[in-house]
């Protein structure tokens, strides 16, 4: 199954609610991911432009999109980003295919 890096930034209201009532959001994330047929490997709170970063193993892109839509529909996220990840073996296969196709691509020219 493919892996995804899913990152979210909470709305100020959501963060205010968690400060008033501290909570671990891992269980809620696990329940959503499992309901869609995936597995949550890790959930981290983070510094930076995103408040939470998740490593998710999903069945396919549609499953991951459904999860992101469900989270967005809750209204507690101001920004999110999903990155599809490749294993080292998948990246090597991509490199091999790229090497075979290198002559098929022509770079843009100035004139």
C-alpha atoms as a PDB file:
ATOM      1  CA  UNK A   1       0.000   0.000   0.000  1.00  0.00           C
ATOM      2  CA  UNK A   2       1.254   3.527  -0.717  1.00  0.00           C
ATOM      3  CA  UNK A   3       2.440   5.908   1.989  1.00  0.00           C
ATOM      4  CA  UNK A   4       1.401   9.523   2.464  1.00  0.00           C
ATOM      5  CA  UNK A   5       2.694  12.445   4.494  1.00  0.00           C
ATOM      6  CA  UNK A   6      -0.381  14.388   5.632  1.00  0.00           C
ATOM      7  CA  UNK A   7       0.104  17.777   7.274  1.00  0.00           C
ATOM      8  CA  UNK A   8      -2.494  20.063   8.833  1.00  0.00           C
ATOM      9  CA  UNK A   9      -2.645  23.475  10.453  1.00  0.00           C
ATOM     10  CA  UNK A  10      -5.467  23.955  12.939  1.00  0.00           C
ATOM     11  CA  UNK A  11      -7.743  26.978  12.946  1.00  0.00           C
ATOM     12  CA  UNK A  12      -7.211  29.383  15.859  1.00  0.00           C
ATOM     13  CA  UNK A  13     -10.549  28.181  17.306  1.00  0.00           C
ATOM     14  CA  UNK A  14      -9.463  24.536  17.216  1.00  0.00           C
ATOM     15  CA  UNK A  15      -6.145  25.357  18.871  1.00  0.00           C
ATOM     16  CA  UNK A  16      -7.949  27.410  21.523  1.00  0.00           C
ATOM     17  CA  UNK A  17     -10.216  24.420  22.246  1.00  0.00           C
ATOM     18  CA  UNK A  18      -7.218  22.084  22.621  1.00  0.00           C
ATOM     19  CA  UNK A  19      -5.437  24.497  24.941  1.00  0.00           C
ATOM     20  CA  UNK A  20      -8.598  24.753  27.072  1.00  0.00           C
ATOM     21  CA  UNK A  21      -9.030  20.961  26.961  1.00  0.00           C
ATOM     22  CA  UNK A  22      -5.652  19.293  26.174  1.00  0.00           C
ATOM     23  CA  UNK A  23      -6.068  16.144  24.126  1.00  0.00           C
ATOM     24  CA  UNK A  24      -4.146  13.602  22.100  1.00  0.00           C
ATOM     25  CA  UNK A  25      -5.668  13.546  18.607  1.00  0.00           C
ATOM     26  CA  UNK A  26      -4.058  10.209  17.687  1.00  0.00           C
ATOM     27  CA  UNK A  27      -7.136   8.088  18.423  1.00  0.00           C
ATOM     28  CA  UNK A  28      -9.420  10.292  16.318  1.00  0.00           C
ATOM     29  CA  UNK A  29      -6.946  10.150  13.420  1.00  0.00           C
ATOM     30  CA  UNK A  30      -6.577   6.363  13.755  1.00  0.00           C
ATOM     31  CA  UNK A  31     -10.335   5.877  13.687  1.00  0.00           C
ATOM     32  CA  UNK A  32     -10.713   7.938  10.512  1.00  0.00           C
ATOM     33  CA  UNK A  33      -7.810   6.304   8.672  1.00  0.00           C
ATOM     34  CA  UNK A  34      -8.904   2.785   9.674  1.00  0.00           C
ATOM     35  CA  UNK A  35     -12.522   3.502   8.652  1.00  0.00           C
ATOM     36  CA  UNK A  36     -11.183   4.273   5.180  1.00  0.00           C
ATOM     37  CA  UNK A  37      -9.080   1.094   5.038  1.00  0.00           C
ATOM     38  CA  UNK A  38      -5.684   2.601   5.862  1.00  0.00           C
ATOM     39  CA  UNK A  39      -3.224   2.590   8.751  1.00  0.00           C
ATOM     40  CA  UNK A  40      -1.923   5.557  10.733  1.00  0.00           C
ATOM     41  CA  UNK A  41       1.745   4.847  11.456  1.00  0.00           C
ATOM     42  CA  UNK A  42       2.602   8.079  13.271  1.00  0.00           C
ATOM     43  CA  UNK A  43       1.022  11.359  14.321  1.00  0.00           C
ATOM     44  CA  UNK A  44       3.328  14.138  15.455  1.00  0.00           C
ATOM     45  CA  UNK A  45       2.588  17.649  16.673  1.00  0.00           C
ATOM     46  CA  UNK A  46       5.138  19.987  15.113  1.00  0.00           C
ATOM     47  CA  UNK A  47       6.635  23.462  14.988  1.00  0.00           C
ATOM     48  CA  UNK A  48       6.371  25.406  11.748  1.00  0.00           C
ATOM     49  CA  UNK A  49       3.572  26.078   9.290  1.00  0.00           C
ATOM     50  CA  UNK A  50       1.807  22.804  10.159  1.00  0.00           C
ATOM     51  CA  UNK A  51       0.631  21.787  13.617  1.00  0.00           C
ATOM     52  CA  UNK A  52       0.285  18.049  12.935  1.00  0.00           C
ATOM     53  CA  UNK A  53       2.175  15.703  10.628  1.00  0.00           C
ATOM     54  CA  UNK A  54       0.938  12.162   9.975  1.00  0.00           C
ATOM     55  CA  UNK A  55       2.500   9.188   8.254  1.00  0.00           C
ATOM     56  CA  UNK A  56      -0.344   7.189   6.733  1.00  0.00           C
ATOM     57  CA  UNK A  57      -0.370   3.954   4.768  1.00  0.00           C
ATOM     58  CA  UNK A  58      -3.401   3.977   2.511  1.00  0.00           C
ATOM     59  CA  UNK A  59      -5.079   1.787  -0.047  1.00  0.00           C
ATOM     60  CA  UNK A  60      -4.848   4.385  -2.840  1.00  0.00           C
ATOM     61  CA  UNK A  61      -4.984   8.088  -3.662  1.00  0.00           C
ATOM     62  CA  UNK A  62      -8.787   8.136  -3.500  1.00  0.00           C
ATOM     63  CA  UNK A  63      -8.739   6.813   0.061  1.00  0.00           C
ATOM     64  CA  UNK A  64      -6.268   9.509   1.074  1.00  0.00           C
ATOM     65  CA  UNK A  65      -8.283  12.225  -0.652  1.00  0.00           C
ATOM     66  CA  UNK A  66     -11.421  11.028   1.169  1.00  0.00           C
ATOM     67  CA  UNK A  67      -9.623  11.308   4.504  1.00  0.00           C
ATOM     68  CA  UNK A  68      -8.371  14.808   3.739  1.00  0.00           C
ATOM     69  CA  UNK A  69     -11.884  15.826   2.689  1.00  0.00           C
ATOM     70  CA  UNK A  70     -13.382  14.424   5.896  1.00  0.00           C
ATOM     71  CA  UNK A  71     -10.887  16.371   8.003  1.00  0.00           C
ATOM     72  CA  UNK A  72     -11.503  19.573   6.020  1.00  0.00           C
ATOM     73  CA  UNK A  73     -15.263  19.135   6.343  1.00  0.00           C
ATOM     74  CA  UNK A  74     -14.923  19.170  10.145  1.00  0.00           C
ATOM     75  CA  UNK A  75     -13.938  22.843   9.886  1.00  0.00           C
ATOM     76  CA  UNK A  76     -11.041  22.685  12.350  1.00  0.00           C
ATOM     77  CA  UNK A  77      -8.224  22.883   9.803  1.00  0.00           C
ATOM     78  CA  UNK A  78      -7.087  26.088   8.113  1.00  0.00           C
ATOM     79  CA  UNK A  79      -4.569  24.447   5.788  1.00  0.00           C
ATOM     80  CA  UNK A  80      -3.516  20.955   4.782  1.00  0.00           C
ATOM     81  CA  UNK A  81      -1.102  19.292   2.426  1.00  0.00           C
ATOM     82  CA  UNK A  82      -0.749  15.694   1.302  1.00  0.00           C
ATOM     83  CA  UNK A  83       2.483  14.317  -0.136  1.00  0.00           C
ATOM     84  CA  UNK A  84       2.586  10.873  -1.712  1.00  0.00           C
ATOM     85  CA  UNK A  85       5.751   9.088  -0.642  1.00  0.00           C
ATOM     86  CA  UNK A  86       7.844   6.505  -2.480  1.00  0.00           C
ATOM     87  CA  UNK A  87       9.826   3.749  -0.842  1.00  0.00           C
ATOM     88  CA  UNK A  88      13.497   3.519  -1.804  1.00  0.00           C
ATOM     89  CA  UNK A  89      12.633   0.557  -4.054  1.00  0.00           C
ATOM     90  CA  UNK A  90       9.849   2.533  -5.780  1.00  0.00           C
ATOM     91  CA  UNK A  91      12.185   5.500  -6.271  1.00  0.00           C
ATOM     92  CA  UNK A  92      14.826   3.193  -7.779  1.00  0.00           C
ATOM     93  CA  UNK A  93      12.234   1.800 -10.202  1.00  0.00           C
ATOM     94  CA  UNK A  94      11.295   5.365 -11.155  1.00  0.00           C
ATOM     95  CA  UNK A  95      14.977   6.175 -11.735  1.00  0.00           C
ATOM     96  CA  UNK A  96      15.335   3.093 -13.949  1.00  0.00           C
ATOM     97  CA  UNK A  97      12.275   4.052 -16.000  1.00  0.00           C
ATOM     98  CA  UNK A  98      13.479   7.651 -16.271  1.00  0.00           C
ATOM     99  CA  UNK A  99      16.843   6.425 -17.540  1.00  0.00           C
ATOM    100  CA  UNK A 100      15.123   4.419 -20.271  1.00  0.00           C
ATOM    101  CA  UNK A 101      12.950   7.386 -21.290  1.00  0.00           C
ATOM    102  CA  UNK A 102      15.619  10.082 -21.159  1.00  0.00           C
ATOM    103  CA  UNK A 103      15.961  10.323 -24.954  1.00  0.00           C
ATOM    104  CA  UNK A 104      12.186  10.667 -25.383  1.00  0.00           C
ATOM    105  CA  UNK A 105      12.015  14.064 -23.661  1.00  0.00           C
ATOM    106  CA  UNK A 106      13.182  17.215 -25.391  1.00  0.00           C
ATOM    107  CA  UNK A 107      13.968  20.208 -23.199  1.00  0.00           C
ATOM    108  CA  UNK A 108      12.401  23.568 -24.114  1.00  0.00           C
ATOM    109  CA  UNK A 109      14.518  25.694 -26.390  1.00  0.00           C
ATOM    110  CA  UNK A 110      14.888  29.464 -26.461  1.00  0.00           C
ATOM    111  CA  UNK A 111      14.229  29.728 -30.192  1.00  0.00           C
END
